Amino acid sequence: MTGVGADRQTGPVADRPDVPDAMLERLRAVAAGLPECHEEGAWVGTRWKVANATVAHIFGGEDGLFRITLRGDPDEVMAFEHLGPPYFRSDWGRNVIGLVLDDTTDWVEVAELFTISWFIQAPKHLAEQVDLPAAPGHV
């Protein structure tokens, strides 16, 4: 295989746990309400995309923890970063919000963040078909 990303591993990565079905099902339920949001396997874990742009990526880390990354407004990303755990900043882009998922995860908030991420990544003609939720913590 040649080209950009040719050296990237595409199969299972050793020492990373599979994402539990219960977590995937929660995210699938959110994605089902968003036009043209589709699920696919990622280099590790699972991602959802719209128009070839990643909306969310969930995966198990080498430390055994589960994480999700989503897109957000850069100012919101900084706010989440300053909140500390379970939020983290990813080096994948200045608009990426990271969240460690566990038994205390607020799945309503994750659904809101997923939807906002979809709005950021979706083409305008698709985004106009869905009402944008308020950002988490905003009225």
C-alpha atoms as a PDB file:
ATOM      1  CA  MET A   1       0.000   0.000   0.000  1.00  0.00           C
ATOM      2  CA  THR A   2       1.326   3.461  -0.864  1.00  0.00           C
ATOM      3  CA  GLY A   3       0.203   7.046  -0.334  1.00  0.00           C
ATOM      4  CA  VAL A   4      -0.762   9.195   2.600  1.00  0.00           C
ATOM      5  CA  GLY A   5      -1.626   7.107   5.632  1.00  0.00           C
ATOM      6  CA  ALA A   6      -0.311   3.925   4.039  1.00  0.00           C
ATOM      7  CA  ASP A   7       1.735   3.157   7.118  1.00  0.00           C
ATOM      8  CA  ARG A   8      -1.280   3.484   9.390  1.00  0.00           C
ATOM      9  CA  GLN A   9      -2.500   0.294  11.010  1.00  0.00           C
ATOM     10  CA  THR A  10      -6.048  -0.575   9.941  1.00  0.00           C
ATOM     11  CA  GLY A  11      -6.670  -3.702  11.996  1.00  0.00           C
ATOM     12  CA  PRO A  12      -7.157  -4.098  15.748  1.00  0.00           C
ATOM     13  CA  VAL A  13      -4.521  -2.398  17.859  1.00  0.00           C
ATOM     14  CA  ALA A  14      -2.963  -4.499  20.604  1.00  0.00           C
ATOM     15  CA  ASP A  15      -3.650  -3.636  24.224  1.00  0.00           C
ATOM     16  CA  ARG A  16      -6.693  -1.484  23.486  1.00  0.00           C
ATOM     17  CA  PRO A  17     -10.074  -2.675  24.724  1.00  0.00           C
ATOM     18  CA  ASP A  18     -13.052  -2.861  22.398  1.00  0.00           C
ATOM     19  CA  VAL A  19     -15.644  -0.177  23.009  1.00  0.00           C
ATOM     20  CA  PRO A  20     -18.573  -1.673  24.938  1.00  0.00           C
ATOM     21  CA  ASP A  21     -21.735  -2.212  22.898  1.00  0.00           C
ATOM     22  CA  ALA A  22     -23.733  -0.134  25.392  1.00  0.00           C
ATOM     23  CA  MET A  23     -21.596   2.940  24.617  1.00  0.00           C
ATOM     24  CA  LEU A  24     -21.848   2.361  20.878  1.00  0.00           C
ATOM     25  CA  GLU A  25     -25.627   1.963  21.068  1.00  0.00           C
ATOM     26  CA  ARG A  26     -26.006   5.301  22.884  1.00  0.00           C
ATOM     27  CA  LEU A  27     -24.032   7.049  20.158  1.00  0.00           C
ATOM     28  CA  ARG A  28     -25.812   5.206  17.362  1.00  0.00           C
ATOM     29  CA  ALA A  29     -29.121   6.494  18.732  1.00  0.00           C
ATOM     30  CA  VAL A  30     -27.858  10.079  18.473  1.00  0.00           C
ATOM     31  CA  ALA A  31     -26.405   9.580  14.996  1.00  0.00           C
ATOM     32  CA  ALA A  32     -29.682   8.090  13.761  1.00  0.00           C
ATOM     33  CA  GLY A  33     -31.347  11.497  14.137  1.00  0.00           C
ATOM     34  CA  LEU A  34     -28.727  13.359  12.100  1.00  0.00           C
ATOM     35  CA  PRO A  35     -28.935  13.385   8.293  1.00  0.00           C
ATOM     36  CA  GLU A  36     -26.213  11.447   6.486  1.00  0.00           C
ATOM     37  CA  CYS A  37     -24.308  10.693   9.695  1.00  0.00           C
ATOM     38  CA  HIS A  38     -22.746   7.284   9.167  1.00  0.00           C
ATOM     39  CA  GLU A  39     -20.693   4.950  11.307  1.00  0.00           C
ATOM     40  CA  GLU A  40     -17.494   3.256  10.257  1.00  0.00           C
ATOM     41  CA  GLY A  41     -14.508   1.501  11.747  1.00  0.00           C
ATOM     42  CA  ALA A  42     -11.555   3.755  12.514  1.00  0.00           C
ATOM     43  CA  TRP A  43      -7.853   2.954  12.880  1.00  0.00           C
ATOM     44  CA  VAL A  44      -8.900   2.162  16.437  1.00  0.00           C
ATOM     45  CA  GLY A  45     -12.459   2.173  17.674  1.00  0.00           C
ATOM     46  CA  THR A  46     -15.420   3.592  15.776  1.00  0.00           C
ATOM     47  CA  ARG A  47     -16.149   6.946  14.208  1.00  0.00           C
ATOM     48  CA  TRP A  48     -19.132   8.754  12.780  1.00  0.00           C
ATOM     49  CA  LYS A  49     -18.805  10.994   9.750  1.00  0.00           C
ATOM     50  CA  VAL A  50     -20.850  13.403   7.673  1.00  0.00           C
ATOM     51  CA  ALA A  51     -19.707  14.424   4.182  1.00  0.00           C
ATOM     52  CA  ASN A  52     -16.328  12.750   4.811  1.00  0.00           C
ATOM     53  CA  ALA A  53     -15.692  14.832   7.962  1.00  0.00           C
ATOM     54  CA  THR A  54     -15.348  13.092  11.320  1.00  0.00           C
ATOM     55  CA  VAL A  55     -18.088  14.012  13.789  1.00  0.00           C
ATOM     56  CA  ALA A  56     -17.075  11.747  16.673  1.00  0.00           C
ATOM     57  CA  HIS A  57     -14.490   9.067  17.365  1.00  0.00           C
ATOM     58  CA  ILE A  58     -14.796   6.638  20.281  1.00  0.00           C
ATOM     59  CA  PHE A  59     -12.009   4.276  21.232  1.00  0.00           C
ATOM     60  CA  GLY A  60     -10.369   2.348  24.018  1.00  0.00           C
ATOM     61  CA  GLY A  61      -6.965   3.609  25.085  1.00  0.00           C
ATOM     62  CA  GLU A  62      -3.866   1.597  25.898  1.00  0.00           C
ATOM     63  CA  ASP A  63      -4.561   2.551  29.536  1.00  0.00           C
ATOM     64  CA  GLY A  64      -7.905   0.715  29.363  1.00  0.00           C
ATOM     65  CA  LEU A  65      -9.977   3.927  29.480  1.00  0.00           C
ATOM     66  CA  PHE A  66     -12.576   4.828  26.865  1.00  0.00           C
ATOM     67  CA  ARG A  67     -12.491   8.202  25.173  1.00  0.00           C
ATOM     68  CA  ILE A  68     -14.533  10.139  22.670  1.00  0.00           C
ATOM     69  CA  THR A  69     -13.374  13.076  20.607  1.00  0.00           C
ATOM     70  CA  LEU A  70     -15.773  15.533  19.013  1.00  0.00           C
ATOM     71  CA  ARG A  71     -15.626  18.917  17.294  1.00  0.00           C
ATOM     72  CA  GLY A  72     -16.534  22.110  19.091  1.00  0.00           C
ATOM     73  CA  ASP A  73     -16.151  25.851  18.880  1.00  0.00           C
ATOM     74  CA  PRO A  74     -12.495  26.663  19.735  1.00  0.00           C
ATOM     75  CA  ASP A  75     -13.592  28.880  22.657  1.00  0.00           C
ATOM     76  CA  GLU A  76     -15.689  26.027  24.035  1.00  0.00           C
ATOM     77  CA  VAL A  77     -12.746  23.649  23.601  1.00  0.00           C
ATOM     78  CA  MET A  78     -10.648  25.889  25.831  1.00  0.00           C
ATOM     79  CA  ALA A  79     -13.430  26.063  28.411  1.00  0.00           C
ATOM     80  CA  PHE A  80     -13.736  22.271  28.530  1.00  0.00           C
ATOM     81  CA  GLU A  81      -9.962  21.910  28.749  1.00  0.00           C
ATOM     82  CA  HIS A  82      -9.893  24.206  31.788  1.00  0.00           C
ATOM     83  CA  LEU A  83     -12.600  22.123  33.479  1.00  0.00           C
ATOM     84  CA  GLY A  84     -10.137  19.231  33.667  1.00  0.00           C
ATOM     85  CA  PRO A  85     -11.127  15.561  33.955  1.00  0.00           C
ATOM     86  CA  PRO A  86     -13.067  13.978  32.376  1.00  0.00           C
ATOM     87  CA  TYR A  87     -12.354  16.528  29.595  1.00  0.00           C
ATOM     88  CA  PHE A  88      -9.050  16.729  27.788  1.00  0.00           C
ATOM     89  CA  ARG A  89      -7.532  18.582  24.887  1.00  0.00           C
ATOM     90  CA  SER A  90      -6.498  16.562  21.877  1.00  0.00           C
ATOM     91  CA  ASP A  91      -3.573  17.396  19.630  1.00  0.00           C
ATOM     92  CA  TRP A  92      -5.698  16.469  16.589  1.00  0.00           C
ATOM     93  CA  GLY A  93      -6.935  20.014  15.970  1.00  0.00           C
ATOM     94  CA  ARG A  94      -7.797  23.227  17.718  1.00  0.00           C
ATOM     95  CA  ASN A  95     -11.508  22.458  17.662  1.00  0.00           C
ATOM     96  CA  VAL A  96     -11.367  18.952  19.190  1.00  0.00           C
ATOM     97  CA  ILE A  97     -13.002  18.235  22.552  1.00  0.00           C
ATOM     98  CA  GLY A  98     -11.975  15.033  24.304  1.00  0.00           C
ATOM     99  CA  LEU A  99     -13.924  13.272  27.010  1.00  0.00           C
ATOM    100  CA  VAL A 100     -13.061  10.178  29.060  1.00  0.00           C
ATOM    101  CA  LEU A 101     -16.125   7.924  29.322  1.00  0.00           C
ATOM    102  CA  ASP A 102     -16.920   5.889  32.431  1.00  0.00           C
ATOM    103  CA  ASP A 103     -19.763   4.945  34.783  1.00  0.00           C
ATOM    104  CA  THR A 104     -20.307   8.606  35.731  1.00  0.00           C
ATOM    105  CA  THR A 105     -20.578   9.918  32.156  1.00  0.00           C
ATOM    106  CA  ASP A 106     -23.475  12.282  31.502  1.00  0.00           C
ATOM    107  CA  TRP A 107     -24.812  10.735  28.291  1.00  0.00           C
ATOM    108  CA  VAL A 108     -27.267  13.603  27.734  1.00  0.00           C
ATOM    109  CA  GLU A 109     -24.273  15.947  27.569  1.00  0.00           C
ATOM    110  CA  VAL A 110     -22.416  13.546  25.254  1.00  0.00           C
ATOM    111  CA  ALA A 111     -25.480  13.502  22.950  1.00  0.00           C
ATOM    112  CA  GLU A 112     -25.515  17.322  22.906  1.00  0.00           C
ATOM    113  CA  LEU A 113     -21.794  17.488  22.170  1.00  0.00           C
ATOM    114  CA  PHE A 114     -22.186  14.880  19.415  1.00  0.00           C
ATOM    115  CA  THR A 115     -24.992  16.903  17.828  1.00  0.00           C
ATOM    116  CA  ILE A 116     -23.020  20.149  18.027  1.00  0.00           C
ATOM    117  CA  SER A 117     -20.034  18.368  16.473  1.00  0.00           C
ATOM    118  CA  TRP A 118     -22.262  17.195  13.630  1.00  0.00           C
ATOM    119  CA  PHE A 119     -23.419  20.789  13.033  1.00  0.00           C
ATOM    120  CA  ILE A 120     -19.821  21.976  12.845  1.00  0.00           C
ATOM    121  CA  GLN A 121     -18.850  19.268  10.359  1.00  0.00           C
ATOM    122  CA  ALA A 122     -22.044  19.044   8.267  1.00  0.00           C
ATOM    123  CA  PRO A 123     -22.520  20.899   4.999  1.00  0.00           C
ATOM    124  CA  LYS A 124     -24.894  23.857   5.326  1.00  0.00           C
ATOM    125  CA  HIS A 125     -27.694  22.184   3.340  1.00  0.00           C
ATOM    126  CA  LEU A 126     -27.764  19.319   5.869  1.00  0.00           C
ATOM    127  CA  ALA A 127     -27.336  21.483   8.975  1.00  0.00           C
ATOM    128  CA  GLU A 128     -30.389  23.523   7.941  1.00  0.00           C
ATOM    129  CA  GLN A 129     -32.511  20.373   8.318  1.00  0.00           C
ATOM    130  CA  VAL A 130     -31.909  20.023  12.082  1.00  0.00           C
ATOM    131  CA  ASP A 131     -32.407  22.347  15.058  1.00  0.00           C
ATOM    132  CA  LEU A 132     -29.160  23.095  16.892  1.00  0.00           C
ATOM    133  CA  PRO A 133     -29.378  22.268  20.603  1.00  0.00           C
ATOM    134  CA  ALA A 134     -28.128  24.724  23.207  1.00  0.00           C
ATOM    135  CA  ALA A 135     -24.508  24.161  24.134  1.00  0.00           C
ATOM    136  CA  PRO A 136     -24.102  22.078  27.309  1.00  0.00           C
ATOM    137  CA  GLY A 137     -24.493  24.256  30.364  1.00  0.00           C
ATOM    138  CA  HIS A 138     -26.229  27.060  28.436  1.00  0.00           C
ATOM    139  CA  VAL A 139     -29.898  27.986  28.628  1.00  0.00           C
END
